[in-house]
Amino acid sequence: MKSNFLQSARHIAVEGPIGVGKTSLARRLAEHLDGDLLLEQPEANPFLARFYQDPRHYALQAQLCFLFQRLEQMRGLAQPGLFAHAVISDYLMEKELLFAGLTLDDDEYALYRQIYDRVSLQSGPAPDLVIYLQAGPDTLISRVRKRGVEMERKIGDDYLTRLGERYTRFFHNYTAAPVMVVNSEHLNFVDEPDDFQLLVQRIEAMRGPHEYFNRGN
């Protein structure tokens, strides 16, 4: 039986670095809750493949494209009644600043931040719950290589390592919504039903704004 917390949540966001399993878990949660999916659309960003080929020249274009793409998706959450069920997304709007800080130089970031601050107010309220998936650098690198997405072949190991570190710092200070921090190193929410049920149980038992779930704890 689902908890009142899960039943009443209007927006659950699954977050974490590239390759950690955000989209797979978001799909599983949407199925479990009979919810609506709000997914990133990297294939719709015409600058992303070029960014992976030449980060210095295409970082700002890629970031702006993602910003406006996600803003358009998130606007619906600010309109009561637009979604009939709970919404499960595989991103937070705030992640844009995390990636921008990693990929842009100082002048570009200053410009990007001005644009972000002006438009992000239209993105709706904070989620009711954030599930932050963690994994070590070696695991992230292995998962990205294993899934074999062509444009991701150019992602360097150092980039994935620094991205994971930035996510850790970001969520250490994140207070906009309750957060369940999940070490996903030894969990498979798609192929192992028991793993998914363990996560649901831990969410149902949440009592504080920042809790942790590791296999065996």
N, C-alpha and C. Protein backbone atom coordinates (compact mmCIF):
# COMPACT_ATOMS: atom_id res chain seq x y z
N MET A 1 0.84 -1.19 0.00
CA MET A 1 0.00 0.00 0.00
C MET A 1 0.88 1.24 0.00
N LYS A 2 0.57 2.19 -0.86
CA LYS A 2 1.35 3.40 -0.96
C LYS A 2 1.08 4.30 0.25
N SER A 3 2.13 5.00 0.65
CA SER A 3 1.95 5.90 1.79
C SER A 3 1.20 7.14 1.35
N ASN A 4 0.66 7.86 2.35
CA ASN A 4 0.02 9.13 2.05
C ASN A 4 0.98 10.10 1.39
N PHE A 5 2.26 10.02 1.81
CA PHE A 5 3.26 10.89 1.23
C PHE A 5 3.36 10.67 -0.28
N LEU A 6 3.47 9.43 -0.69
CA LEU A 6 3.57 9.14 -2.12
C LEU A 6 2.27 9.46 -2.84
N GLN A 7 1.16 9.17 -2.20
CA GLN A 7 -0.13 9.43 -2.84
C GLN A 7 -0.37 10.91 -3.05
N SER A 8 0.10 11.73 -2.12
CA SER A 8 -0.18 13.16 -2.20
C SER A 8 0.87 13.95 -2.99
N ALA A 9 2.01 13.33 -3.28
CA ALA A 9 3.07 14.04 -4.00
C ALA A 9 2.61 14.37 -5.42
N ARG A 10 2.67 15.64 -5.74
CA ARG A 10 2.27 16.07 -7.08
C ARG A 10 3.44 16.01 -8.05
N HIS A 11 4.65 16.21 -7.55
CA HIS A 11 5.84 16.19 -8.40
C HIS A 11 6.99 15.53 -7.66
N ILE A 12 7.51 14.44 -8.24
CA ILE A 12 8.69 13.76 -7.73
C ILE A 12 9.78 13.88 -8.78
N ALA A 13 10.93 14.39 -8.38
CA ALA A 13 12.05 14.54 -9.31
C ALA A 13 13.14 13.53 -8.96
N VAL A 14 13.64 12.84 -9.97
CA VAL A 14 14.77 11.92 -9.80
C VAL A 14 15.99 12.61 -10.40
N GLU A 15 17.05 12.71 -9.61
CA GLU A 15 18.24 13.43 -10.07
C GLU A 15 19.51 12.63 -9.81
N GLY A 16 20.57 13.08 -10.46
CA GLY A 16 21.87 12.47 -10.33
C GLY A 16 22.67 12.65 -11.60
N PRO A 17 23.96 12.32 -11.57
CA PRO A 17 24.82 12.55 -12.73
C PRO A 17 24.50 11.62 -13.90
N ILE A 18 25.11 11.91 -15.02
CA ILE A 18 24.91 11.13 -16.24
C ILE A 18 25.25 9.66 -15.97
N GLY A 19 24.35 8.76 -16.37
CA GLY A 19 24.60 7.33 -16.26
C GLY A 19 24.19 6.69 -14.95
N VAL A 20 23.61 7.46 -14.03
CA VAL A 20 23.30 6.90 -12.71
C VAL A 20 21.98 6.14 -12.69
N GLY A 21 21.13 6.33 -13.71
CA GLY A 21 19.87 5.59 -13.79
C GLY A 21 18.62 6.40 -13.51
N LYS A 22 18.69 7.72 -13.71
CA LYS A 22 17.56 8.60 -13.41
C LYS A 22 16.31 8.23 -14.21
N THR A 23 16.47 8.13 -15.51
CA THR A 23 15.30 7.91 -16.36
C THR A 23 14.67 6.55 -16.10
N SER A 24 15.48 5.54 -15.89
CA SER A 24 14.95 4.20 -15.62
C SER A 24 14.12 4.19 -14.34
N LEU A 25 14.62 4.86 -13.29
CA LEU A 25 13.87 4.90 -12.04
C LEU A 25 12.61 5.76 -12.20
N ALA A 26 12.71 6.87 -12.91
CA ALA A 26 11.52 7.71 -13.13
C ALA A 26 10.42 6.92 -13.83
N ARG A 27 10.78 6.14 -14.82
CA ARG A 27 9.79 5.31 -15.52
C ARG A 27 9.16 4.29 -14.57
N ARG A 28 9.99 3.69 -13.73
CA ARG A 28 9.49 2.68 -12.79
C ARG A 28 8.54 3.31 -11.77
N LEU A 29 8.87 4.49 -11.29
CA LEU A 29 8.00 5.19 -10.34
C LEU A 29 6.69 5.60 -10.98
N ALA A 30 6.75 6.08 -12.21
CA ALA A 30 5.53 6.48 -12.91
C ALA A 30 4.60 5.29 -13.08
N GLU A 31 5.16 4.15 -13.38
CA GLU A 31 4.35 2.92 -13.51
C GLU A 31 3.73 2.56 -12.16
N HIS A 32 4.53 2.64 -11.10
CA HIS A 32 4.06 2.27 -9.77
C HIS A 32 2.95 3.19 -9.28
N LEU A 33 3.09 4.49 -9.58
CA LEU A 33 2.15 5.49 -9.07
C LEU A 33 1.07 5.87 -10.07
N ASP A 34 1.10 5.23 -11.25
CA ASP A 34 0.19 5.61 -12.33
C ASP A 34 0.33 7.11 -12.61
N GLY A 35 1.57 7.56 -12.71
CA GLY A 35 1.86 8.98 -12.87
C GLY A 35 2.23 9.35 -14.30
N ASP A 36 2.41 10.64 -14.51
CA ASP A 36 2.82 11.19 -15.80
C ASP A 36 4.32 11.42 -15.79
N LEU A 37 4.98 11.08 -16.90
CA LEU A 37 6.42 11.25 -17.01
C LEU A 37 6.76 12.59 -17.64
N LEU A 38 7.80 13.22 -17.10
CA LEU A 38 8.34 14.45 -17.67
C LEU A 38 9.84 14.21 -17.79
N LEU A 39 10.29 13.87 -19.00
CA LEU A 39 11.66 13.41 -19.20
C LEU A 39 12.50 14.42 -19.96
N GLU A 40 13.79 14.40 -19.66
CA GLU A 40 14.73 15.16 -20.47
C GLU A 40 14.67 14.69 -21.90
N GLN A 41 14.99 15.57 -22.83
CA GLN A 41 14.98 15.22 -24.25
C GLN A 41 16.31 15.62 -24.88
N PRO A 42 17.38 14.93 -24.51
CA PRO A 42 18.69 15.31 -25.05
C PRO A 42 18.76 15.21 -26.56
N GLU A 43 17.99 14.28 -27.14
CA GLU A 43 18.01 14.12 -28.59
C GLU A 43 17.41 15.33 -29.31
N ALA A 44 16.64 16.15 -28.58
CA ALA A 44 16.03 17.34 -29.18
C ALA A 44 16.92 18.57 -29.06
N ASN A 45 18.08 18.43 -28.46
CA ASN A 45 19.02 19.54 -28.34
C ASN A 45 20.03 19.45 -29.49
N PRO A 46 19.93 20.32 -30.49
CA PRO A 46 20.80 20.21 -31.67
C PRO A 46 22.26 20.52 -31.39
N PHE A 47 22.55 21.10 -30.21
CA PHE A 47 23.92 21.48 -29.89
C PHE A 47 24.64 20.44 -29.03
N LEU A 48 23.93 19.43 -28.54
CA LEU A 48 24.54 18.54 -27.56
C LEU A 48 25.65 17.69 -28.15
N ALA A 49 25.41 17.07 -29.30
CA ALA A 49 26.46 16.26 -29.93
C ALA A 49 27.67 17.12 -30.26
N ARG A 50 27.41 18.35 -30.71
CA ARG A 50 28.52 19.25 -31.03
C ARG A 50 29.26 19.67 -29.75
N PHE A 51 28.52 19.80 -28.64
CA PHE A 51 29.18 20.11 -27.37
C PHE A 51 30.15 19.00 -26.97
N TYR A 52 29.72 17.75 -27.08
CA TYR A 52 30.61 16.65 -26.73
C TYR A 52 31.84 16.59 -27.64
N GLN A 53 31.69 17.03 -28.88
CA GLN A 53 32.81 17.08 -29.81
C GLN A 53 33.74 18.26 -29.52
N ASP A 54 33.15 19.41 -29.18
CA ASP A 54 33.91 20.64 -29.01
C ASP A 54 33.29 21.47 -27.88
N PRO A 55 33.52 21.07 -26.62
CA PRO A 55 32.86 21.73 -25.48
C PRO A 55 33.10 23.23 -25.42
N ARG A 56 34.28 23.67 -25.74
CA ARG A 56 34.59 25.09 -25.61
C ARG A 56 33.70 25.97 -26.47
N HIS A 57 33.35 25.52 -27.66
CA HIS A 57 32.61 26.36 -28.59
C HIS A 57 31.09 26.18 -28.50
N TYR A 58 30.62 25.09 -27.93
CA TYR A 58 29.19 24.83 -27.97
C TYR A 58 28.53 24.71 -26.59
N ALA A 59 29.28 24.98 -25.53
CA ALA A 59 28.71 24.83 -24.19
C ALA A 59 27.55 25.78 -23.95
N LEU A 60 27.72 27.04 -24.29
CA LEU A 60 26.67 28.03 -24.01
C LEU A 60 25.41 27.73 -24.81
N GLN A 61 25.57 27.40 -26.09
CA GLN A 61 24.39 27.08 -26.91
C GLN A 61 23.65 25.86 -26.37
N ALA A 62 24.40 24.84 -25.97
CA ALA A 62 23.77 23.63 -25.43
C ALA A 62 23.03 23.93 -24.13
N GLN A 63 23.66 24.74 -23.26
CA GLN A 63 23.02 25.08 -21.98
C GLN A 63 21.75 25.89 -22.18
N LEU A 64 21.78 26.87 -23.06
CA LEU A 64 20.59 27.69 -23.30
C LEU A 64 19.46 26.86 -23.90
N CYS A 65 19.81 25.96 -24.80
CA CYS A 65 18.79 25.11 -25.40
C CYS A 65 18.11 24.25 -24.34
N PHE A 66 18.90 23.64 -23.46
CA PHE A 66 18.32 22.84 -22.38
C PHE A 66 17.48 23.70 -21.44
N LEU A 67 17.96 24.89 -21.13
CA LEU A 67 17.23 25.77 -20.23
C LEU A 67 15.82 26.05 -20.75
N PHE A 68 15.71 26.45 -22.00
CA PHE A 68 14.40 26.80 -22.53
C PHE A 68 13.53 25.57 -22.79
N GLN A 69 14.17 24.46 -23.13
CA GLN A 69 13.42 23.21 -23.28
C GLN A 69 12.77 22.80 -21.97
N ARG A 70 13.54 22.82 -20.90
CA ARG A 70 13.02 22.40 -19.60
C ARG A 70 12.05 23.41 -19.02
N LEU A 71 12.29 24.68 -19.29
CA LEU A 71 11.36 25.70 -18.84
C LEU A 71 9.99 25.48 -19.46
N GLU A 72 9.95 25.15 -20.74
CA GLU A 72 8.68 24.90 -21.41
C GLU A 72 7.97 23.69 -20.80
N GLN A 73 8.73 22.65 -20.46
CA GLN A 73 8.13 21.48 -19.83
C GLN A 73 7.60 21.81 -18.43
N MET A 74 8.40 22.54 -17.65
CA MET A 74 8.06 22.80 -16.26
C MET A 74 6.91 23.79 -16.10
N ARG A 75 6.66 24.61 -17.09
CA ARG A 75 5.57 25.57 -16.98
C ARG A 75 4.24 24.89 -16.68
N GLY A 76 4.07 23.69 -17.20
CA GLY A 76 2.82 22.97 -16.97
C GLY A 76 2.57 22.67 -15.51
N LEU A 77 3.66 22.51 -14.72
CA LEU A 77 3.51 22.21 -13.31
C LEU A 77 2.95 23.40 -12.53
N ALA A 78 3.08 24.58 -13.08
CA ALA A 78 2.55 25.78 -12.42
C ALA A 78 1.08 26.01 -12.75
N GLN A 79 0.51 25.15 -13.60
CA GLN A 79 -0.89 25.29 -14.00
C GLN A 79 -1.72 24.17 -13.36
N PRO A 80 -2.45 24.46 -12.30
CA PRO A 80 -3.23 23.43 -11.61
C PRO A 80 -4.19 22.73 -12.58
N GLY A 81 -4.22 21.40 -12.49
CA GLY A 81 -5.15 20.64 -13.31
C GLY A 81 -4.63 20.21 -14.66
N LEU A 82 -3.43 20.72 -15.07
CA LEU A 82 -2.93 20.34 -16.38
C LEU A 82 -2.53 18.88 -16.41
N PHE A 83 -1.94 18.40 -15.31
CA PHE A 83 -1.58 16.98 -15.21
C PHE A 83 -2.61 16.28 -14.33
N ALA A 84 -3.17 15.18 -14.85
CA ALA A 84 -4.22 14.47 -14.12
C ALA A 84 -3.65 13.65 -12.96
N HIS A 85 -2.39 13.26 -13.07
CA HIS A 85 -1.78 12.40 -12.05
C HIS A 85 -0.50 13.06 -11.54
N ALA A 86 0.14 12.38 -10.61
CA ALA A 86 1.45 12.84 -10.14
C ALA A 86 2.42 12.89 -11.32
N VAL A 87 3.34 13.83 -11.26
CA VAL A 87 4.35 13.98 -12.30
C VAL A 87 5.68 13.49 -11.76
N ILE A 88 6.34 12.62 -12.52
CA ILE A 88 7.67 12.13 -12.16
C ILE A 88 8.62 12.60 -13.24
N SER A 89 9.59 13.42 -12.86
CA SER A 89 10.57 13.93 -13.82
C SER A 89 11.94 13.34 -13.54
N ASP A 90 12.78 13.32 -14.58
CA ASP A 90 14.14 12.82 -14.39
C ASP A 90 15.15 13.97 -14.35
N TYR A 91 14.70 15.13 -13.86
CA TYR A 91 15.60 16.26 -13.68
C TYR A 91 14.97 17.30 -12.77
N LEU A 92 15.83 18.14 -12.20
CA LEU A 92 15.45 19.34 -11.48
C LEU A 92 15.83 20.54 -12.34
N MET A 93 15.03 21.59 -12.29
CA MET A 93 15.37 22.79 -13.03
C MET A 93 16.71 23.35 -12.57
N GLU A 94 16.99 23.26 -11.27
CA GLU A 94 18.21 23.84 -10.72
C GLU A 94 19.48 23.19 -11.24
N LYS A 95 19.37 22.01 -11.84
CA LYS A 95 20.56 21.35 -12.35
C LYS A 95 21.23 22.17 -13.45
N GLU A 96 20.46 23.07 -14.07
CA GLU A 96 21.03 23.88 -15.14
C GLU A 96 22.23 24.69 -14.64
N LEU A 97 22.13 25.24 -13.42
CA LEU A 97 23.24 26.00 -12.88
C LEU A 97 24.43 25.10 -12.57
N LEU A 98 24.15 23.88 -12.14
CA LEU A 98 25.22 22.93 -11.84
C LEU A 98 26.04 22.64 -13.10
N PHE A 99 25.35 22.33 -14.20
CA PHE A 99 26.04 22.03 -15.45
C PHE A 99 26.70 23.27 -16.03
N ALA A 100 26.02 24.41 -15.93
CA ALA A 100 26.59 25.64 -16.46
C ALA A 100 27.89 25.99 -15.75
N GLY A 101 27.93 25.81 -14.44
CA GLY A 101 29.14 26.09 -13.69
C GLY A 101 30.29 25.19 -14.07
N LEU A 102 29.98 24.01 -14.59
CA LEU A 102 31.01 23.06 -14.99
C LEU A 102 31.52 23.32 -16.40
N THR A 103 30.64 23.79 -17.29
CA THR A 103 30.99 23.84 -18.70
C THR A 103 31.29 25.23 -19.25
N LEU A 104 30.84 26.29 -18.57
CA LEU A 104 31.00 27.64 -19.10
C LEU A 104 32.17 28.37 -18.46
N ASP A 105 32.79 29.27 -19.22
CA ASP A 105 33.81 30.11 -18.60
C ASP A 105 33.12 31.22 -17.81
N ASP A 106 33.89 32.03 -17.11
CA ASP A 106 33.31 32.99 -16.18
C ASP A 106 32.37 33.98 -16.84
N ASP A 107 32.76 34.54 -17.98
CA ASP A 107 31.92 35.53 -18.67
C ASP A 107 30.64 34.89 -19.19
N GLU A 108 30.75 33.69 -19.75
CA GLU A 108 29.57 33.00 -20.25
C GLU A 108 28.63 32.64 -19.10
N TYR A 109 29.20 32.21 -17.99
CA TYR A 109 28.37 31.85 -16.84
C TYR A 109 27.62 33.07 -16.31
N ALA A 110 28.29 34.22 -16.26
CA ALA A 110 27.64 35.44 -15.78
C ALA A 110 26.45 35.80 -16.66
N LEU A 111 26.62 35.67 -17.98
CA LEU A 111 25.52 35.94 -18.90
C LEU A 111 24.41 34.91 -18.72
N TYR A 112 24.80 33.64 -18.66
CA TYR A 112 23.82 32.57 -18.49
C TYR A 112 23.03 32.76 -17.20
N ARG A 113 23.70 33.14 -16.14
CA ARG A 113 23.04 33.30 -14.85
C ARG A 113 22.01 34.43 -14.90
N GLN A 114 22.30 35.50 -15.63
CA GLN A 114 21.33 36.57 -15.78
C GLN A 114 20.06 36.06 -16.47
N ILE A 115 20.25 35.28 -17.52
CA ILE A 115 19.10 34.73 -18.24
C ILE A 115 18.33 33.76 -17.36
N TYR A 116 19.07 32.87 -16.68
CA TYR A 116 18.42 31.88 -15.81
C TYR A 116 17.59 32.55 -14.73
N ASP A 117 18.15 33.57 -14.08
CA ASP A 117 17.44 34.24 -12.99
C ASP A 117 16.16 34.91 -13.48
N ARG A 118 16.15 35.36 -14.71
CA ARG A 118 14.96 36.03 -15.25
C ARG A 118 13.85 35.04 -15.61
N VAL A 119 14.24 33.89 -16.15
CA VAL A 119 13.21 32.98 -16.70
C VAL A 119 12.82 31.86 -15.76
N SER A 120 13.68 31.50 -14.79
CA SER A 120 13.42 30.31 -13.97
C SER A 120 12.23 30.48 -13.04
N LEU A 121 11.83 31.72 -12.75
CA LEU A 121 10.67 31.94 -11.90
C LEU A 121 9.40 31.38 -12.52
N GLN A 122 9.42 31.14 -13.83
CA GLN A 122 8.25 30.61 -14.52
C GLN A 122 8.16 29.09 -14.47
N SER A 123 9.12 28.46 -13.80
CA SER A 123 9.20 27.00 -13.85
C SER A 123 8.33 26.28 -12.82
N GLY A 124 7.60 27.03 -11.99
CA GLY A 124 6.70 26.39 -11.05
C GLY A 124 7.37 26.11 -9.72
N PRO A 125 6.62 25.52 -8.78
CA PRO A 125 7.12 25.28 -7.42
C PRO A 125 8.16 24.16 -7.38
N ALA A 126 8.83 24.06 -6.25
CA ALA A 126 9.79 22.98 -6.04
C ALA A 126 9.05 21.64 -5.98
N PRO A 127 9.74 20.53 -6.27
CA PRO A 127 9.10 19.22 -6.18
C PRO A 127 8.67 18.91 -4.74
N ASP A 128 7.79 17.95 -4.60
CA ASP A 128 7.40 17.47 -3.28
C ASP A 128 8.44 16.51 -2.72
N LEU A 129 9.21 15.90 -3.60
CA LEU A 129 10.25 14.95 -3.21
C LEU A 129 11.31 14.90 -4.30
N VAL A 130 12.57 14.86 -3.88
CA VAL A 130 13.68 14.62 -4.80
C VAL A 130 14.36 13.33 -4.40
N ILE A 131 14.55 12.45 -5.36
CA ILE A 131 15.33 11.23 -5.15
C ILE A 131 16.67 11.43 -5.87
N TYR A 132 17.72 11.55 -5.09
CA TYR A 132 19.06 11.81 -5.63
C TYR A 132 19.84 10.50 -5.67
N LEU A 133 20.15 10.03 -6.87
CA LEU A 133 20.89 8.79 -7.06
C LEU A 133 22.38 9.08 -7.12
N GLN A 134 23.13 8.38 -6.29
CA GLN A 134 24.58 8.52 -6.25
C GLN A 134 25.24 7.26 -6.80
N ALA A 135 26.44 7.43 -7.35
CA ALA A 135 27.30 6.31 -7.71
C ALA A 135 28.71 6.85 -7.84
N GLY A 136 29.69 6.01 -7.61
CA GLY A 136 31.08 6.42 -7.70
C GLY A 136 31.50 6.66 -9.14
N PRO A 137 32.61 7.39 -9.34
CA PRO A 137 33.08 7.72 -10.68
C PRO A 137 33.27 6.49 -11.58
N ASP A 138 33.86 5.44 -11.04
CA ASP A 138 34.10 4.25 -11.87
C ASP A 138 32.78 3.63 -12.34
N THR A 139 31.78 3.63 -11.46
CA THR A 139 30.47 3.08 -11.84
C THR A 139 29.80 3.93 -12.90
N LEU A 140 29.86 5.25 -12.73
CA LEU A 140 29.26 6.15 -13.73
C LEU A 140 29.92 5.98 -15.08
N ILE A 141 31.24 5.94 -15.08
CA ILE A 141 31.98 5.79 -16.33
C ILE A 141 31.62 4.47 -17.01
N SER A 142 31.56 3.40 -16.22
CA SER A 142 31.22 2.09 -16.77
C SER A 142 29.81 2.07 -17.35
N ARG A 143 28.85 2.67 -16.66
CA ARG A 143 27.46 2.67 -17.13
C ARG A 143 27.29 3.49 -18.40
N VAL A 144 27.96 4.64 -18.45
CA VAL A 144 27.87 5.46 -19.66
C VAL A 144 28.47 4.73 -20.85
N ARG A 145 29.61 4.10 -20.66
CA ARG A 145 30.24 3.37 -21.76
C ARG A 145 29.37 2.17 -22.18
N LYS A 146 28.77 1.50 -21.19
CA LYS A 146 27.99 0.30 -21.48
C LYS A 146 26.74 0.60 -22.29
N ARG A 147 26.08 1.74 -22.02
CA ARG A 147 24.82 2.00 -22.73
C ARG A 147 25.05 2.43 -24.18
N GLY A 148 26.25 2.83 -24.52
CA GLY A 148 26.64 2.97 -25.91
C GLY A 148 25.92 4.02 -26.72
N VAL A 149 25.53 5.13 -26.09
CA VAL A 149 24.94 6.23 -26.83
C VAL A 149 26.04 6.91 -27.63
N GLU A 150 25.84 7.02 -28.93
CA GLU A 150 26.92 7.46 -29.82
C GLU A 150 27.51 8.80 -29.41
N MET A 151 26.65 9.81 -29.16
CA MET A 151 27.19 11.13 -28.88
C MET A 151 27.87 11.21 -27.52
N GLU A 152 27.62 10.21 -26.64
CA GLU A 152 28.26 10.20 -25.33
C GLU A 152 29.66 9.59 -25.34
N ARG A 153 30.05 9.06 -26.49
CA ARG A 153 31.38 8.42 -26.56
C ARG A 153 32.50 9.42 -26.33
N LYS A 154 32.22 10.70 -26.57
CA LYS A 154 33.24 11.73 -26.41
C LYS A 154 33.31 12.27 -24.97
N ILE A 155 32.41 11.82 -24.09
CA ILE A 155 32.45 12.31 -22.71
C ILE A 155 33.69 11.75 -22.02
N GLY A 156 34.51 12.62 -21.48
CA GLY A 156 35.73 12.17 -20.83
C GLY A 156 35.48 11.67 -19.42
N ASP A 157 36.35 10.78 -18.96
CA ASP A 157 36.24 10.27 -17.60
C ASP A 157 36.36 11.39 -16.58
N ASP A 158 37.22 12.36 -16.84
CA ASP A 158 37.41 13.47 -15.92
C ASP A 158 36.14 14.30 -15.79
N TYR A 159 35.44 14.49 -16.91
CA TYR A 159 34.18 15.25 -16.89
C TYR A 159 33.15 14.56 -16.00
N LEU A 160 33.01 13.23 -16.14
CA LEU A 160 32.05 12.49 -15.32
C LEU A 160 32.43 12.53 -13.85
N THR A 161 33.71 12.47 -13.57
CA THR A 161 34.17 12.53 -12.18
C THR A 161 33.85 13.88 -11.56
N ARG A 162 34.15 14.97 -12.27
CA ARG A 162 33.89 16.31 -11.75
C ARG A 162 32.38 16.57 -11.63
N LEU A 163 31.61 16.01 -12.55
CA LEU A 163 30.16 16.17 -12.48
C LEU A 163 29.61 15.49 -11.23
N GLY A 164 30.07 14.29 -10.94
CA GLY A 164 29.63 13.60 -9.73
C GLY A 164 29.97 14.38 -8.47
N GLU A 165 31.15 15.00 -8.45
CA GLU A 165 31.54 15.81 -7.30
C GLU A 165 30.65 17.03 -7.14
N ARG A 166 30.28 17.65 -8.24
CA ARG A 166 29.41 18.82 -8.18
C ARG A 166 28.01 18.44 -7.68
N TYR A 167 27.52 17.30 -8.11
CA TYR A 167 26.22 16.84 -7.60
C TYR A 167 26.26 16.63 -6.10
N THR A 168 27.34 16.05 -5.60
CA THR A 168 27.47 15.83 -4.16
C THR A 168 27.41 17.14 -3.40
N ARG A 169 28.16 18.14 -3.87
CA ARG A 169 28.15 19.44 -3.20
C ARG A 169 26.78 20.12 -3.30
N PHE A 170 26.16 19.99 -4.48
CA PHE A 170 24.86 20.63 -4.70
C PHE A 170 23.83 20.11 -3.70
N PHE A 171 23.73 18.79 -3.57
CA PHE A 171 22.70 18.23 -2.70
C PHE A 171 23.06 18.30 -1.22
N HIS A 172 24.31 18.51 -0.92
CA HIS A 172 24.68 18.73 0.48
C HIS A 172 24.02 20.00 1.00
N ASN A 173 23.83 20.99 0.11
CA ASN A 173 23.26 22.28 0.52
C ASN A 173 21.82 22.48 0.05
N TYR A 174 21.21 21.47 -0.57
CA TYR A 174 19.88 21.64 -1.15
C TYR A 174 18.80 21.53 -0.06
N THR A 175 17.93 22.54 0.01
CA THR A 175 16.89 22.56 1.05
C THR A 175 15.51 22.87 0.50
N ALA A 176 15.37 22.98 -0.83
CA ALA A 176 14.10 23.40 -1.41
C ALA A 176 13.01 22.33 -1.31
N ALA A 177 13.40 21.07 -1.11
CA ALA A 177 12.43 19.96 -1.04
C ALA A 177 13.04 18.82 -0.24
N PRO A 178 12.21 17.92 0.30
CA PRO A 178 12.75 16.72 0.94
C PRO A 178 13.58 15.90 -0.05
N VAL A 179 14.68 15.34 0.42
CA VAL A 179 15.59 14.58 -0.45
C VAL A 179 15.84 13.20 0.14
N MET A 180 15.66 12.18 -0.70
CA MET A 180 16.10 10.84 -0.37
C MET A 180 17.37 10.58 -1.18
N VAL A 181 18.50 10.47 -0.49
CA VAL A 181 19.78 10.22 -1.14
C VAL A 181 19.97 8.70 -1.22
N VAL A 182 20.16 8.21 -2.45
CA VAL A 182 20.21 6.76 -2.67
C VAL A 182 21.56 6.38 -3.27
N ASN A 183 22.29 5.52 -2.58
CA ASN A 183 23.51 4.95 -3.15
C ASN A 183 23.09 3.81 -4.08
N SER A 184 23.24 4.04 -5.38
CA SER A 184 22.72 3.08 -6.36
C SER A 184 23.76 2.07 -6.84
N GLU A 185 24.92 2.04 -6.18
CA GLU A 185 26.01 1.16 -6.62
C GLU A 185 25.56 -0.30 -6.76
N HIS A 186 24.78 -0.77 -5.79
CA HIS A 186 24.41 -2.19 -5.76
C HIS A 186 22.90 -2.37 -5.81
N LEU A 187 22.21 -1.44 -6.47
CA LEU A 187 20.76 -1.52 -6.60
C LEU A 187 20.38 -1.47 -8.07
N ASN A 188 19.39 -2.28 -8.43
CA ASN A 188 18.89 -2.31 -9.81
C ASN A 188 17.38 -2.22 -9.76
N PHE A 189 16.86 -0.99 -9.91
CA PHE A 189 15.43 -0.75 -9.72
C PHE A 189 14.58 -1.25 -10.88
N VAL A 190 15.20 -1.54 -12.00
CA VAL A 190 14.46 -1.99 -13.19
C VAL A 190 14.32 -3.51 -13.21
N ASP A 191 15.41 -4.22 -12.99
CA ASP A 191 15.41 -5.68 -13.14
C ASP A 191 15.22 -6.44 -11.83
N GLU A 192 15.32 -5.73 -10.71
CA GLU A 192 15.19 -6.39 -9.40
C GLU A 192 14.01 -5.78 -8.64
N PRO A 193 12.84 -6.41 -8.69
CA PRO A 193 11.66 -5.85 -8.00
C PRO A 193 11.89 -5.62 -6.51
N ASP A 194 12.67 -6.47 -5.86
CA ASP A 194 12.92 -6.30 -4.43
C ASP A 194 13.66 -4.99 -4.15
N ASP A 195 14.58 -4.62 -5.04
CA ASP A 195 15.30 -3.36 -4.86
C ASP A 195 14.34 -2.18 -4.93
N PHE A 196 13.44 -2.23 -5.89
CA PHE A 196 12.48 -1.13 -6.03
C PHE A 196 11.55 -1.07 -4.82
N GLN A 197 11.10 -2.20 -4.35
CA GLN A 197 10.22 -2.21 -3.19
C GLN A 197 10.92 -1.69 -1.93
N LEU A 198 12.21 -1.99 -1.80
CA LEU A 198 12.99 -1.46 -0.69
C LEU A 198 13.01 0.07 -0.73
N LEU A 199 13.20 0.61 -1.92
CA LEU A 199 13.22 2.06 -2.06
C LEU A 199 11.86 2.65 -1.69
N VAL A 200 10.78 2.06 -2.18
CA VAL A 200 9.44 2.55 -1.86
C VAL A 200 9.22 2.53 -0.35
N GLN A 201 9.63 1.46 0.29
CA GLN A 201 9.46 1.36 1.74
C GLN A 201 10.24 2.45 2.47
N ARG A 202 11.45 2.73 2.00
CA ARG A 202 12.25 3.77 2.65
C ARG A 202 11.62 5.15 2.47
N ILE A 203 11.05 5.39 1.30
CA ILE A 203 10.36 6.66 1.08
C ILE A 203 9.14 6.76 1.98
N GLU A 204 8.40 5.68 2.08
CA GLU A 204 7.21 5.67 2.94
C GLU A 204 7.57 5.95 4.40
N ALA A 205 8.78 5.54 4.79
CA ALA A 205 9.20 5.70 6.18
C ALA A 205 9.92 7.02 6.44
N MET A 206 10.04 7.87 5.43
CA MET A 206 10.75 9.15 5.61
C MET A 206 10.11 9.97 6.72
N ARG A 207 10.96 10.51 7.57
CA ARG A 207 10.49 11.39 8.65
C ARG A 207 11.19 12.75 8.62
N GLY A 208 12.36 12.80 8.00
CA GLY A 208 13.12 14.05 7.96
C GLY A 208 13.25 14.58 6.55
N PRO A 209 13.79 15.79 6.39
CA PRO A 209 13.91 16.41 5.07
C PRO A 209 15.08 15.89 4.25
N HIS A 210 15.99 15.13 4.87
CA HIS A 210 17.18 14.66 4.17
C HIS A 210 17.55 13.30 4.72
N GLU A 211 17.24 12.25 3.96
CA GLU A 211 17.52 10.89 4.44
C GLU A 211 18.33 10.11 3.43
N TYR A 212 18.90 9.00 3.91
CA TYR A 212 19.84 8.23 3.10
C TYR A 212 19.41 6.78 3.01
N PHE A 213 19.65 6.19 1.85
CA PHE A 213 19.33 4.79 1.63
C PHE A 213 20.54 4.11 0.98
N ASN A 214 21.18 3.24 1.75
CA ASN A 214 22.22 2.38 1.24
C ASN A 214 21.79 0.93 1.39
N ARG A 215 22.18 0.09 0.50
CA ARG A 215 21.87 -1.33 0.65
C ARG A 215 22.41 -1.84 1.98
N GLY A 216 21.48 -2.35 2.81
CA GLY A 216 21.89 -2.94 4.08
C GLY A 216 21.79 -2.01 5.27
N ASN A 217 21.40 -0.70 5.01
CA ASN A 217 21.29 0.17 6.20
C ASN A 217 19.85 0.44 6.57
